[in-house]
């Protein structure tokens, strides 16, 4: 499911206009993005947790030239599925 499909399904299931559904979905993702940008965790019990890991910079080597370079530190978002989500996926038809 992509974002547009999510918006359409929200509008249909709750009988709301498509522009309103789009605003709600955009707002939801914006809140999650802002929280992650501040370094906060986003936890939706039973579904998932999103969090940011910080990696320090290090001295690396350019594989083409063999020259040493300083690689900058970075932050990356991570997804951790909840127990209920894992159970639901494993009960889904066609899962092994």
PDB file of N, CA and C in Angstrom:
ATOM      1  N   UNK A   1       0.846  -1.172   0.000  1.00  0.00           N
ATOM      2  CA  UNK A   1       0.000   0.000   0.000  1.00  0.00           C
ATOM      3  C   UNK A   1       0.889   1.232   0.000  1.00  0.00           C
ATOM      4  N   UNK A   2       0.588   2.156  -0.879  1.00  0.00           N
ATOM      5  CA  UNK A   2       1.328   3.417  -0.887  1.00  0.00           C
ATOM      6  C   UNK A   2       0.482   4.511  -0.240  1.00  0.00           C
ATOM      7  N   UNK A   3       1.024   5.708  -0.175  1.00  0.00           N
ATOM      8  CA  UNK A   3       0.363   6.806   0.528  1.00  0.00           C
ATOM      9  C   UNK A   3      -0.988   7.158  -0.099  1.00  0.00           C
ATOM     10  N   UNK A   4      -1.061   7.196  -1.420  1.00  0.00           N
ATOM     11  CA  UNK A   4      -2.310   7.537  -2.102  1.00  0.00           C
ATOM     12  C   UNK A   4      -3.389   6.488  -1.826  1.00  0.00           C
ATOM     13  N   UNK A   5      -3.004   5.220  -1.834  1.00  0.00           N
ATOM     14  CA  UNK A   5      -3.963   4.151  -1.523  1.00  0.00           C
ATOM     15  C   UNK A   5      -4.467   4.284  -0.088  1.00  0.00           C
ATOM     16  N   UNK A   6      -3.576   4.664   0.814  1.00  0.00           N
ATOM     17  CA  UNK A   6      -3.955   4.854   2.206  1.00  0.00           C
ATOM     18  C   UNK A   6      -4.974   5.994   2.333  1.00  0.00           C
ATOM     19  N   UNK A   7      -4.728   7.081   1.622  1.00  0.00           N
ATOM     20  CA  UNK A   7      -5.628   8.235   1.646  1.00  0.00           C
ATOM     21  C   UNK A   7      -7.008   7.846   1.115  1.00  0.00           C
ATOM     22  N   UNK A   8      -7.032   7.145  -0.012  1.00  0.00           N
ATOM     23  CA  UNK A   8      -8.315   6.720  -0.607  1.00  0.00           C
ATOM     24  C   UNK A   8      -9.080   5.793   0.326  1.00  0.00           C
ATOM     25  N   UNK A   9      -8.391   4.864   0.941  1.00  0.00           N
ATOM     26  CA  UNK A   9      -9.040   3.921   1.837  1.00  0.00           C
ATOM     27  C   UNK A   9      -9.589   4.630   3.073  1.00  0.00           C
ATOM     28  N   UNK A  10      -8.850   5.573   3.619  1.00  0.00           N
ATOM     29  CA  UNK A  10      -9.314   6.349   4.761  1.00  0.00           C
ATOM     30  C   UNK A  10     -10.581   7.123   4.399  1.00  0.00           C
ATOM     31  N   UNK A  11     -10.576   7.764   3.241  1.00  0.00           N
ATOM     32  CA  UNK A  11     -11.736   8.541   2.794  1.00  0.00           C
ATOM     33  C   UNK A  11     -12.961   7.646   2.610  1.00  0.00           C
ATOM     34  N   UNK A  12     -12.777   6.483   1.987  1.00  0.00           N
ATOM     35  CA  UNK A  12     -13.897   5.573   1.732  1.00  0.00           C
ATOM     36  C   UNK A  12     -14.447   4.970   3.019  1.00  0.00           C
ATOM     37  N   UNK A  13     -13.569   4.480   3.885  1.00  0.00           N
ATOM     38  CA  UNK A  13     -14.009   3.787   5.089  1.00  0.00           C
ATOM     39  C   UNK A  13     -14.668   4.714   6.106  1.00  0.00           C
ATOM     40  N   UNK A  14     -14.290   5.985   6.100  1.00  0.00           N
ATOM     41  CA  UNK A  14     -14.830   6.905   7.096  1.00  0.00           C
ATOM     42  C   UNK A  14     -15.715   7.979   6.473  1.00  0.00           C
ATOM     43  N   UNK A  15     -16.016   7.812   5.198  1.00  0.00           N
ATOM     44  CA  UNK A  15     -16.931   8.706   4.478  1.00  0.00           C
ATOM     45  C   UNK A  15     -16.557  10.175   4.671  1.00  0.00           C
ATOM     46  N   UNK A  16     -15.287  10.476   4.379  1.00  0.00           N
ATOM     47  CA  UNK A  16     -14.820  11.861   4.458  1.00  0.00           C
ATOM     48  C   UNK A  16     -14.279  12.257   3.092  1.00  0.00           C
ATOM     49  N   UNK A  17     -14.301  13.554   2.775  1.00  0.00           N
ATOM     50  CA  UNK A  17     -13.782  14.004   1.476  1.00  0.00           C
ATOM     51  C   UNK A  17     -12.296  13.664   1.316  1.00  0.00           C
ATOM     52  N   UNK A  18     -11.905  13.383   0.110  1.00  0.00           N
ATOM     53  CA  UNK A  18     -10.518  13.020  -0.191  1.00  0.00           C
ATOM     54  C   UNK A  18      -9.509  14.080   0.280  1.00  0.00           C
ATOM     55  N   UNK A  19      -9.782  15.400   0.071  1.00  0.00           N
ATOM     56  CA  UNK A  19      -8.811  16.399   0.548  1.00  0.00           C
ATOM     57  C   UNK A  19      -8.610  16.349   2.063  1.00  0.00           C
ATOM     58  N   UNK A  20      -9.677  16.050   2.815  1.00  0.00           N
ATOM     59  CA  UNK A  20      -9.542  15.952   4.271  1.00  0.00           C
ATOM     60  C   UNK A  20      -8.705  14.731   4.642  1.00  0.00           C
ATOM     61  N   UNK A  21      -8.959  13.621   3.989  1.00  0.00           N
ATOM     62  CA  UNK A  21      -8.191  12.403   4.250  1.00  0.00           C
ATOM     63  C   UNK A  21      -6.716  12.639   3.942  1.00  0.00           C
ATOM     64  N   UNK A  22      -6.432  13.336   2.855  1.00  0.00           N
ATOM     65  CA  UNK A  22      -5.037  13.640   2.487  1.00  0.00           C
ATOM     66  C   UNK A  22      -4.375  14.471   3.587  1.00  0.00           C
ATOM     67  N   UNK A  23      -5.103  15.469   4.106  1.00  0.00           N
ATOM     68  CA  UNK A  23      -4.559  16.317   5.170  1.00  0.00           C
ATOM     69  C   UNK A  23      -4.242  15.505   6.420  1.00  0.00           C
ATOM     70  N   UNK A  24      -5.137  14.583   6.789  1.00  0.00           N
ATOM     71  CA  UNK A  24      -4.930  13.758   7.983  1.00  0.00           C
ATOM     72  C   UNK A  24      -3.694  12.870   7.838  1.00  0.00           C
ATOM     73  N   UNK A  25      -3.561  12.247   6.682  1.00  0.00           N
ATOM     74  CA  UNK A  25      -2.420  11.354   6.454  1.00  0.00           C
ATOM     75  C   UNK A  25      -1.123  12.171   6.411  1.00  0.00           C
ATOM     76  N   UNK A  26      -1.152  13.297   5.700  1.00  0.00           N
ATOM     77  CA  UNK A  26       0.037  14.161   5.653  1.00  0.00           C
ATOM     78  C   UNK A  26       0.419  14.638   7.045  1.00  0.00           C
ATOM     79  N   UNK A  27      -0.582  15.031   7.828  1.00  0.00           N
ATOM     80  CA  UNK A  27      -0.350  15.498   9.192  1.00  0.00           C
ATOM     81  C   UNK A  27       0.279  14.402  10.048  1.00  0.00           C
ATOM     82  N   UNK A  28      -0.231  13.188   9.936  1.00  0.00           N
ATOM     83  CA  UNK A  28       0.281  12.047  10.691  1.00  0.00           C
ATOM     84  C   UNK A  28       1.761  11.810  10.382  1.00  0.00           C
ATOM     85  N   UNK A  29       2.105  11.769   9.091  1.00  0.00           N
ATOM     86  CA  UNK A  29       3.493  11.541   8.706  1.00  0.00           C
ATOM     87  C   UNK A  29       4.384  12.722   9.076  1.00  0.00           C
ATOM     88  N   UNK A  30       3.862  13.931   9.016  1.00  0.00           N
ATOM     89  CA  UNK A  30       4.638  15.111   9.392  1.00  0.00           C
ATOM     90  C   UNK A  30       4.976  15.072  10.885  1.00  0.00           C
ATOM     91  N   UNK A  31       4.003  14.689  11.717  1.00  0.00           N
ATOM     92  CA  UNK A  31       4.261  14.569  13.156  1.00  0.00           C
ATOM     93  C   UNK A  31       5.350  13.543  13.445  1.00  0.00           C
ATOM     94  N   UNK A  32       5.278  12.409  12.756  1.00  0.00           N
ATOM     95  CA  UNK A  32       6.302  11.376  12.963  1.00  0.00           C
ATOM     96  C   UNK A  32       7.665  11.883  12.513  1.00  0.00           C
ATOM     97  N   UNK A  33       7.728  12.543  11.373  1.00  0.00           N
ATOM     98  CA  UNK A  33       9.000  13.063  10.855  1.00  0.00           C
ATOM     99  C   UNK A  33       9.600  14.097  11.789  1.00  0.00           C
ATOM    100  N   UNK A  34       8.763  14.999  12.314  1.00  0.00           N
ATOM    101  CA  UNK A  34       9.251  16.024  13.237  1.00  0.00           C
ATOM    102  C   UNK A  34       9.809  15.395  14.510  1.00  0.00           C
ATOM    103  N   UNK A  35       9.106  14.404  15.032  1.00  0.00           N
ATOM    104  CA  UNK A  35       9.566  13.737  16.254  1.00  0.00           C
ATOM    105  C   UNK A  35      10.921  13.073  16.022  1.00  0.00           C
ATOM    106  N   UNK A  36      11.068  12.374  14.910  1.00  0.00           N
ATOM    107  CA  UNK A  36      12.335  11.710  14.600  1.00  0.00           C
ATOM    108  C   UNK A  36      13.454  12.728  14.395  1.00  0.00           C
ATOM    109  N   UNK A  37      13.138  13.848  13.747  1.00  0.00           N
ATOM    110  CA  UNK A  37      14.144  14.883  13.515  1.00  0.00           C
ATOM    111  C   UNK A  37      14.650  15.468  14.832  1.00  0.00           C
ATOM    112  N   UNK A  38      13.786  15.484  15.867  1.00  0.00           N
ATOM    113  CA  UNK A  38      14.186  15.978  17.188  1.00  0.00           C
ATOM    114  C   UNK A  38      14.911  14.908  18.000  1.00  0.00           C
ATOM    115  N   UNK A  39      14.947  13.679  17.466  1.00  0.00           N
ATOM    116  CA  UNK A  39      15.610  12.596  18.180  1.00  0.00           C
ATOM    117  C   UNK A  39      14.674  11.787  19.062  1.00  0.00           C
ATOM    118  N   UNK A  40      13.369  12.079  18.989  1.00  0.00           N
ATOM    119  CA  UNK A  40      12.383  11.329  19.774  1.00  0.00           C
ATOM    120  C   UNK A  40      12.059  10.001  19.099  1.00  0.00           C
ATOM    121  N   UNK A  41      11.545   9.076  19.901  1.00  0.00           N
ATOM    122  CA  UNK A  41      11.049   7.803  19.375  1.00  0.00           C
ATOM    123  C   UNK A  41       9.576   7.971  19.040  1.00  0.00           C
ATOM    124  N   UNK A  42       9.110   7.247  18.030  1.00  0.00           N
ATOM    125  CA  UNK A  42       7.693   7.197  17.692  1.00  0.00           C
ATOM    126  C   UNK A  42       7.249   5.770  17.964  1.00  0.00           C
ATOM    127  N   UNK A  43       6.365   5.600  18.939  1.00  0.00           N
ATOM    128  CA  UNK A  43       5.927   4.260  19.310  1.00  0.00           C
ATOM    129  C   UNK A  43       4.422   4.151  19.161  1.00  0.00           C
ATOM    130  N   UNK A  44       3.987   3.197  18.362  1.00  0.00           N
ATOM    131  CA  UNK A  44       2.572   2.886  18.213  1.00  0.00           C
ATOM    132  C   UNK A  44       2.431   1.465  18.724  1.00  0.00           C
ATOM    133  N   UNK A  45       1.959   1.335  19.957  1.00  0.00           N
ATOM    134  CA  UNK A  45       1.916   0.043  20.658  1.00  0.00           C
ATOM    135  C   UNK A  45       1.293  -1.047  19.798  1.00  0.00           C
ATOM    136  N   UNK A  46       1.993  -2.172  19.754  1.00  0.00           N
ATOM    137  CA  UNK A  46       1.520  -3.322  19.007  1.00  0.00           C
ATOM    138  C   UNK A  46       1.857  -3.268  17.530  1.00  0.00           C
ATOM    139  N   UNK A  47       2.112  -2.081  17.006  1.00  0.00           N
ATOM    140  CA  UNK A  47       2.392  -1.954  15.578  1.00  0.00           C
ATOM    141  C   UNK A  47       3.881  -1.793  15.303  1.00  0.00           C
ATOM    142  N   UNK A  48       4.484  -0.740  15.874  1.00  0.00           N
ATOM    143  CA  UNK A  48       5.875  -0.469  15.530  1.00  0.00           C
ATOM    144  C   UNK A  48       6.478   0.586  16.434  1.00  0.00           C
ATOM    145  N   UNK A  49       7.796   0.666  16.365  1.00  0.00           N
ATOM    146  CA  UNK A  49       8.555   1.758  16.973  1.00  0.00           C
ATOM    147  C   UNK A  49       9.527   2.261  15.918  1.00  0.00           C
ATOM    148  N   UNK A  50       9.583   3.569  15.764  1.00  0.00           N
ATOM    149  CA  UNK A  50      10.566   4.207  14.895  1.00  0.00           C
ATOM    150  C   UNK A  50      11.520   4.976  15.791  1.00  0.00           C
ATOM    151  N   UNK A  51      12.814   4.885  15.504  1.00  0.00           N
ATOM    152  CA  UNK A  51      13.798   5.605  16.299  1.00  0.00           C
ATOM    153  C   UNK A  51      14.997   5.927  15.433  1.00  0.00           C
ATOM    154  N   UNK A  52      15.851   6.794  15.947  1.00  0.00           N
ATOM    155  CA  UNK A  52      17.030   7.246  15.195  1.00  0.00           C
ATOM    156  C   UNK A  52      18.284   6.716  15.875  1.00  0.00           C
ATOM    157  N   UNK A  53      19.166   6.123  15.081  1.00  0.00           N
ATOM    158  CA  UNK A  53      20.475   5.687  15.568  1.00  0.00           C
ATOM    159  C   UNK A  53      21.519   6.674  15.052  1.00  0.00           C
ATOM    160  N   UNK A  54      22.472   6.979  15.909  1.00  0.00           N
ATOM    161  CA  UNK A  54      23.554   7.897  15.538  1.00  0.00           C
ATOM    162  C   UNK A  54      24.835   7.096  15.345  1.00  0.00           C
ATOM    163  N   UNK A  55      25.487   7.342  14.222  1.00  0.00           N
ATOM    164  CA  UNK A  55      26.755   6.687  13.917  1.00  0.00           C
ATOM    165  C   UNK A  55      27.855   7.742  13.902  1.00  0.00           C
ATOM    166  N   UNK A  56      28.935   7.447  14.573  1.00  0.00           N
ATOM    167  CA  UNK A  56      30.082   8.356  14.589  1.00  0.00           C
ATOM    168  C   UNK A  56      30.811   8.315  13.255  1.00  0.00           C
ATOM    169  N   UNK A  57      31.555   9.384  12.984  1.00  0.00           N
ATOM    170  CA  UNK A  57      32.385   9.412  11.794  1.00  0.00           C
ATOM    171  C   UNK A  57      33.564   8.451  11.959  1.00  0.00           C
ATOM    172  N   UNK A  58      34.200   8.128  10.863  1.00  0.00           N
ATOM    173  CA  UNK A  58      35.340   7.217  10.920  1.00  0.00           C
ATOM    174  C   UNK A  58      36.269   7.496   9.739  1.00  0.00           C
ATOM    175  N   UNK A  59      37.451   6.940   9.832  1.00  0.00           N
ATOM    176  CA  UNK A  59      38.424   7.088   8.757  1.00  0.00           C
ATOM    177  C   UNK A  59      38.240   5.902   7.816  1.00  0.00           C
ATOM    178  N   UNK A  60      37.913   6.186   6.564  1.00  0.00           N
ATOM    179  CA  UNK A  60      37.691   5.138   5.583  1.00  0.00           C
ATOM    180  C   UNK A  60      38.669   5.256   4.430  1.00  0.00           C
ATOM    181  N   UNK A  61      38.508   4.360   3.480  1.00  0.00           N
ATOM    182  CA  UNK A  61      39.408   4.354   2.335  1.00  0.00           C
ATOM    183  C   UNK A  61      38.582   4.377   1.051  1.00  0.00           C
ATOM    184  N   UNK A  62      38.975   5.246   0.124  1.00  0.00           N
ATOM    185  CA  UNK A  62      38.338   5.305  -1.183  1.00  0.00           C
ATOM    186  C   UNK A  62      38.736   4.045  -1.944  1.00  0.00           C
ATOM    187  N   UNK A  63      37.776   3.182  -2.343  1.00  0.00           N
ATOM    188  CA  UNK A  63      38.133   1.926  -2.993  1.00  0.00           C
ATOM    189  C   UNK A  63      38.803   2.089  -4.369  1.00  0.00           C
ATOM    190  N   UNK A  64      38.530   3.205  -5.052  1.00  0.00           N
ATOM    191  CA  UNK A  64      39.147   3.417  -6.368  1.00  0.00           C
ATOM    192  C   UNK A  64      40.603   3.844  -6.255  1.00  0.00           C
ATOM    193  N   UNK A  65      40.849   4.814  -5.371  1.00  0.00           N
ATOM    194  CA  UNK A  65      42.189   5.402  -5.295  1.00  0.00           C
ATOM    195  C   UNK A  65      43.028   4.861  -4.139  1.00  0.00           C
ATOM    196  N   UNK A  66      42.377   4.242  -3.170  1.00  0.00           N
ATOM    197  CA  UNK A  66      43.092   3.761  -1.994  1.00  0.00           C
ATOM    198  C   UNK A  66      43.402   4.870  -1.000  1.00  0.00           C
ATOM    199  N   UNK A  67      42.991   6.084  -1.339  1.00  0.00           N
ATOM    200  CA  UNK A  67      43.244   7.250  -0.495  1.00  0.00           C
ATOM    201  C   UNK A  67      42.369   7.199   0.766  1.00  0.00           C
ATOM    202  N   UNK A  68      42.941   7.601   1.906  1.00  0.00           N
ATOM    203  CA  UNK A  68      42.166   7.659   3.150  1.00  0.00           C
ATOM    204  C   UNK A  68      41.303   8.912   3.154  1.00  0.00           C
ATOM    205  N   UNK A  69      40.067   8.773   3.607  1.00  0.00           N
ATOM    206  CA  UNK A  69      39.143   9.902   3.697  1.00  0.00           C
ATOM    207  C   UNK A  69      38.436   9.853   5.043  1.00  0.00           C
ATOM    208  N   UNK A  70      37.982  11.008   5.502  1.00  0.00           N
ATOM    209  CA  UNK A  70      37.219  11.070   6.747  1.00  0.00           C
ATOM    210  C   UNK A  70      35.729  11.006   6.387  1.00  0.00           C
ATOM    211  N   UNK A  71      35.051   9.988   6.876  1.00  0.00           N
ATOM    212  CA  UNK A  71      33.622   9.819   6.632  1.00  0.00           C
ATOM    213  C   UNK A  71      32.882  10.472   7.796  1.00  0.00           C
ATOM    214  N   UNK A  72      31.945  11.363   7.473  1.00  0.00           N
ATOM    215  CA  UNK A  72      31.203  12.093   8.500  1.00  0.00           C
ATOM    216  C   UNK A  72      30.228  11.172   9.226  1.00  0.00           C
ATOM    217  N   UNK A  73      29.925  11.523  10.464  1.00  0.00           N
ATOM    218  CA  UNK A  73      28.916  10.808  11.224  1.00  0.00           C
ATOM    219  C   UNK A  73      27.542  11.040  10.611  1.00  0.00           C
ATOM    220  N   UNK A  74      26.593  10.185  10.966  1.00  0.00           N
ATOM    221  CA  UNK A  74      25.255  10.340  10.397  1.00  0.00           C
ATOM    222  C   UNK A  74      24.220   9.765  11.351  1.00  0.00           C
ATOM    223  N   UNK A  75      22.979  10.113  11.076  1.00  0.00           N
ATOM    224  CA  UNK A  75      21.842   9.582  11.816  1.00  0.00           C
ATOM    225  C   UNK A  75      20.936   8.865  10.828  1.00  0.00           C
ATOM    226  N   UNK A  76      20.450   7.691  11.222  1.00  0.00           N
ATOM    227  CA  UNK A  76      19.566   6.921  10.348  1.00  0.00           C
ATOM    228  C   UNK A  76      18.325   6.474  11.115  1.00  0.00           C
ATOM    229  N   UNK A  77      17.145   6.541  10.464  1.00  0.00           N
ATOM    230  CA  UNK A  77      15.934   6.067  11.120  1.00  0.00           C
ATOM    231  C   UNK A  77      15.853   4.539  11.060  1.00  0.00           C
ATOM    232  N   UNK A  78      15.325   3.937  12.128  1.00  0.00           N
ATOM    233  CA  UNK A  78      15.143   2.493  12.184  1.00  0.00           C
ATOM    234  C   UNK A  78      13.710   2.154  12.553  1.00  0.00           C
ATOM    235  N   UNK A  79      13.252   1.023  12.052  1.00  0.00           N
ATOM    236  CA  UNK A  79      11.904   0.514  12.279  1.00  0.00           C
ATOM    237  C   UNK A  79      12.002  -0.782  13.071  1.00  0.00           C
ATOM    238  N   UNK A  80      11.211  -0.884  14.129  1.00  0.00           N
ATOM    239  CA  UNK A  80      11.160  -2.118  14.900  1.00  0.00           C
ATOM    240  C   UNK A  80       9.693  -2.545  14.975  1.00  0.00           C
ATOM    241  N   UNK A  81       9.349  -3.688  14.392  1.00  0.00           N
ATOM    242  CA  UNK A  81       7.947  -4.109  14.424  1.00  0.00           C
ATOM    243  C   UNK A  81       7.517  -4.509  15.830  1.00  0.00           C
ATOM    244  N   UNK A  82       6.231  -4.280  16.120  1.00  0.00           N
ATOM    245  CA  UNK A  82       5.671  -4.671  17.400  1.00  0.00           C
ATOM    246  C   UNK A  82       5.316  -6.157  17.411  1.00  0.00           C
ATOM    247  N   UNK A  83       5.117  -6.707  18.596  1.00  0.00           N
ATOM    248  CA  UNK A  83       4.794  -8.130  18.751  1.00  0.00           C
ATOM    249  C   UNK A  83       3.496  -8.482  18.033  1.00  0.00           C
ATOM    250  N   UNK A  84       2.477  -7.630  18.163  1.00  0.00           N
ATOM    251  CA  UNK A  84       1.195  -7.904  17.519  1.00  0.00           C
ATOM    252  C   UNK A  84       1.314  -7.876  15.995  1.00  0.00           C
ATOM    253  N   UNK A  85       2.122  -6.972  15.463  1.00  0.00           N
ATOM    254  CA  UNK A  85       2.323  -6.914  14.015  1.00  0.00           C
ATOM    255  C   UNK A  85       3.015  -8.180  13.526  1.00  0.00           C
ATOM    256  N   UNK A  86       4.043  -8.616  14.249  1.00  0.00           N
ATOM    257  CA  UNK A  86       4.746  -9.849  13.867  1.00  0.00           C
ATOM    258  C   UNK A  86       3.783 -11.032  13.858  1.00  0.00           C
ATOM    259  N   UNK A  87       2.956 -11.133  14.892  1.00  0.00           N
ATOM    260  CA  UNK A  87       2.002 -12.239  14.981  1.00  0.00           C
ATOM    261  C   UNK A  87       1.000 -12.184  13.835  1.00  0.00           C
ATOM    262  N   UNK A  88       0.508 -11.000  13.518  1.00  0.00           N
ATOM    263  CA  UNK A  88      -0.479 -10.858  12.435  1.00  0.00           C
ATOM    264  C   UNK A  88       0.115 -11.240  11.078  1.00  0.00           C
ATOM    265  N   UNK A  89       1.349 -10.837  10.857  1.00  0.00           N
ATOM    266  CA  UNK A  89       2.008 -11.166   9.594  1.00  0.00           C
ATOM    267  C   UNK A  89       2.205 -12.677   9.468  1.00  0.00           C
ATOM    268  N   UNK A  90       2.580 -13.301  10.554  1.00  0.00           N
ATOM    269  CA  UNK A  90       2.822 -14.740  10.518  1.00  0.00           C
ATOM    270  C   UNK A  90       1.539 -15.562  10.428  1.00  0.00           C
ATOM    271  N   UNK A  91       0.389 -14.960  10.709  1.00  0.00           N
ATOM    272  CA  UNK A  91      -0.895 -15.646  10.584  1.00  0.00           C
ATOM    273  C   UNK A  91      -1.548 -15.374   9.236  1.00  0.00           C
ATOM    274  N   UNK A  92      -0.991 -14.464   8.473  1.00  0.00           N
ATOM    275  CA  UNK A  92      -1.575 -14.069   7.196  1.00  0.00           C
ATOM    276  C   UNK A  92      -1.541 -15.238   6.210  1.00  0.00           C
ATOM    277  N   UNK A  93      -2.583 -15.340   5.360  1.00  0.00           N
ATOM    278  CA  UNK A  93      -2.572 -16.401   4.334  1.00  0.00           C
ATOM    279  C   UNK A  93      -1.357 -16.256   3.434  1.00  0.00           C
ATOM    280  N   UNK A  94      -0.737 -17.360   3.131  1.00  0.00           N
ATOM    281  CA  UNK A  94       0.430 -17.359   2.253  1.00  0.00           C
ATOM    282  C   UNK A  94       1.734 -17.165   2.985  1.00  0.00           C
ATOM    283  N   UNK A  95       1.693 -16.893   4.305  1.00  0.00           N
ATOM    284  CA  UNK A  95       2.953 -16.767   5.039  1.00  0.00           C
ATOM    285  C   UNK A  95       3.462 -18.144   5.397  1.00  0.00           C
ATOM    286  N   UNK A  96       4.773 -18.274   5.528  1.00  0.00           N
ATOM    287  CA  UNK A  96       5.379 -19.577   5.780  1.00  0.00           C
ATOM    288  C   UNK A  96       5.680 -19.768   7.230  1.00  0.00           C
TER     289      UNK A  96
END
